[in-house]
Amino acid sequence: MLLLDEPTEALDAPTAARLLAGVRDFDPRVALVITLHDRQSLVLPWTPSARVELTGTQYRDTLSRTMVQG
């Protein structure tokens, strides 16, 4: 497992996409946990297998499509 905390912050979209593609290509078997701001999530060069969206005191698990009050 590899945890990346905002790895694309301050990068332009093409550079961010290349960085994330390189991380994914380094070892495709590794689980990636990446924290991104909404605008950064648009540069993922693959489709995530799971995603959790945080909004204030709620989060949405887009894999199960449930909204949880926190």
C-alpha atoms as a PDB file:
ATOM      1  CA  MET A   1       0.000   0.000   0.000  1.00  0.00           C
ATOM      2  CA  LEU A   2       1.222   3.451  -0.881  1.00  0.00           C
ATOM      3  CA  LEU A   3      -0.355   6.531   0.703  1.00  0.00           C
ATOM      4  CA  LEU A   4       0.036   9.803  -1.214  1.00  0.00           C
ATOM      5  CA  ASP A   5      -1.179  13.039   0.376  1.00  0.00           C
ATOM      6  CA  GLU A   6      -1.968  15.590  -2.342  1.00  0.00           C
ATOM      7  CA  PRO A   7       0.897  14.509  -4.624  1.00  0.00           C
ATOM      8  CA  THR A   8      -0.287  16.749  -7.469  1.00  0.00           C
ATOM      9  CA  GLU A   9      -0.690  19.968  -5.487  1.00  0.00           C
ATOM     10  CA  ALA A  10       0.810  22.929  -7.393  1.00  0.00           C
ATOM     11  CA  LEU A  11       1.274  20.888 -10.587  1.00  0.00           C
ATOM     12  CA  ASP A  12      -0.445  21.668 -13.852  1.00  0.00           C
ATOM     13  CA  ALA A  13      -2.847  19.007 -15.144  1.00  0.00           C
ATOM     14  CA  PRO A  14      -0.535  17.373 -17.735  1.00  0.00           C
ATOM     15  CA  THR A  15       2.335  17.113 -15.237  1.00  0.00           C
ATOM     16  CA  ALA A  16       0.015  15.752 -12.548  1.00  0.00           C
ATOM     17  CA  ALA A  17      -1.319  13.103 -14.937  1.00  0.00           C
ATOM     18  CA  ARG A  18       2.226  12.027 -15.883  1.00  0.00           C
ATOM     19  CA  LEU A  19       3.243  11.836 -12.217  1.00  0.00           C
ATOM     20  CA  LEU A  20       0.262   9.677 -11.259  1.00  0.00           C
ATOM     21  CA  ALA A  21       0.693   7.442 -14.305  1.00  0.00           C
ATOM     22  CA  GLY A  22       4.327   6.921 -13.333  1.00  0.00           C
ATOM     23  CA  VAL A  23       3.374   5.995  -9.774  1.00  0.00           C
ATOM     24  CA  ARG A  24       0.755   3.520 -11.053  1.00  0.00           C
ATOM     25  CA  ASP A  25       3.181   2.021 -13.596  1.00  0.00           C
ATOM     26  CA  PHE A  26       5.939   1.600 -10.989  1.00  0.00           C
ATOM     27  CA  ASP A  27       4.115  -1.364  -9.404  1.00  0.00           C
ATOM     28  CA  PRO A  28       0.537  -1.997 -10.598  1.00  0.00           C
ATOM     29  CA  ARG A  29       0.016  -4.544  -7.785  1.00  0.00           C
ATOM     30  CA  VAL A  30       0.354  -1.920  -5.044  1.00  0.00           C
ATOM     31  CA  ALA A  31      -2.830  -0.462  -3.567  1.00  0.00           C
ATOM     32  CA  LEU A  32      -2.787   3.326  -3.864  1.00  0.00           C
ATOM     33  CA  VAL A  33      -4.523   5.572  -1.340  1.00  0.00           C
ATOM     34  CA  ILE A  34      -4.419   9.125  -2.660  1.00  0.00           C
ATOM     35  CA  THR A  35      -5.883  12.258  -1.120  1.00  0.00           C
ATOM     36  CA  LEU A  36      -6.812  14.836  -3.744  1.00  0.00           C
ATOM     37  CA  HIS A  37      -8.844  18.008  -3.925  1.00  0.00           C
ATOM     38  CA  ASP A  38     -11.798  17.875  -6.337  1.00  0.00           C
ATOM     39  CA  ARG A  39      -9.987  19.702  -9.114  1.00  0.00           C
ATOM     40  CA  GLN A  40      -7.026  17.339  -8.838  1.00  0.00           C
ATOM     41  CA  SER A  41      -9.136  14.194  -9.140  1.00  0.00           C
ATOM     42  CA  LEU A  42      -9.840  15.083 -12.756  1.00  0.00           C
ATOM     43  CA  VAL A  43      -6.257  14.225 -13.741  1.00  0.00           C
ATOM     44  CA  LEU A  44      -6.280  10.562 -12.652  1.00  0.00           C
ATOM     45  CA  PRO A  45      -4.995   8.606 -15.654  1.00  0.00           C
ATOM     46  CA  TRP A  46      -7.093   5.551 -14.652  1.00  0.00           C
ATOM     47  CA  THR A  47     -10.545   4.832 -13.235  1.00  0.00           C
ATOM     48  CA  PRO A  48     -10.386   4.300  -9.449  1.00  0.00           C
ATOM     49  CA  SER A  49     -11.737   1.000  -8.113  1.00  0.00           C
ATOM     50  CA  ALA A  50     -13.135   2.844  -5.084  1.00  0.00           C
ATOM     51  CA  ARG A  51     -13.559   6.448  -4.081  1.00  0.00           C
ATOM     52  CA  VAL A  52     -14.586   8.260  -0.899  1.00  0.00           C
ATOM     53  CA  GLU A  53     -15.723  11.873  -1.194  1.00  0.00           C
ATOM     54  CA  LEU A  54     -15.612  14.048   1.948  1.00  0.00           C
ATOM     55  CA  THR A  55     -17.932  17.030   2.257  1.00  0.00           C
ATOM     56  CA  GLY A  56     -18.117  18.783   5.625  1.00  0.00           C
ATOM     57  CA  THR A  57     -19.446  16.212   8.080  1.00  0.00           C
ATOM     58  CA  GLN A  58     -20.562  13.719   5.415  1.00  0.00           C
ATOM     59  CA  TYR A  59     -18.780  11.353   3.136  1.00  0.00           C
ATOM     60  CA  ARG A  60     -19.897   9.435   0.093  1.00  0.00           C
ATOM     61  CA  ASP A  61     -18.522   6.040  -0.727  1.00  0.00           C
ATOM     62  CA  THR A  62     -18.993   5.906  -4.486  1.00  0.00           C
ATOM     63  CA  LEU A  63     -18.332   2.184  -4.580  1.00  0.00           C
ATOM     64  CA  SER A  64     -21.468   1.419  -2.525  1.00  0.00           C
ATOM     65  CA  ARG A  65     -23.129   4.777  -3.328  1.00  0.00           C
ATOM     66  CA  THR A  66     -24.049   5.445   0.295  1.00  0.00           C
ATOM     67  CA  MET A  67     -24.045   8.742   2.171  1.00  0.00           C
ATOM     68  CA  VAL A  68     -22.889   8.549   5.782  1.00  0.00           C
ATOM     69  CA  GLN A  69     -23.418  11.267   8.393  1.00  0.00           C
ATOM     70  CA  GLY A  70     -20.295  11.731  10.527  1.00  0.00           C
END
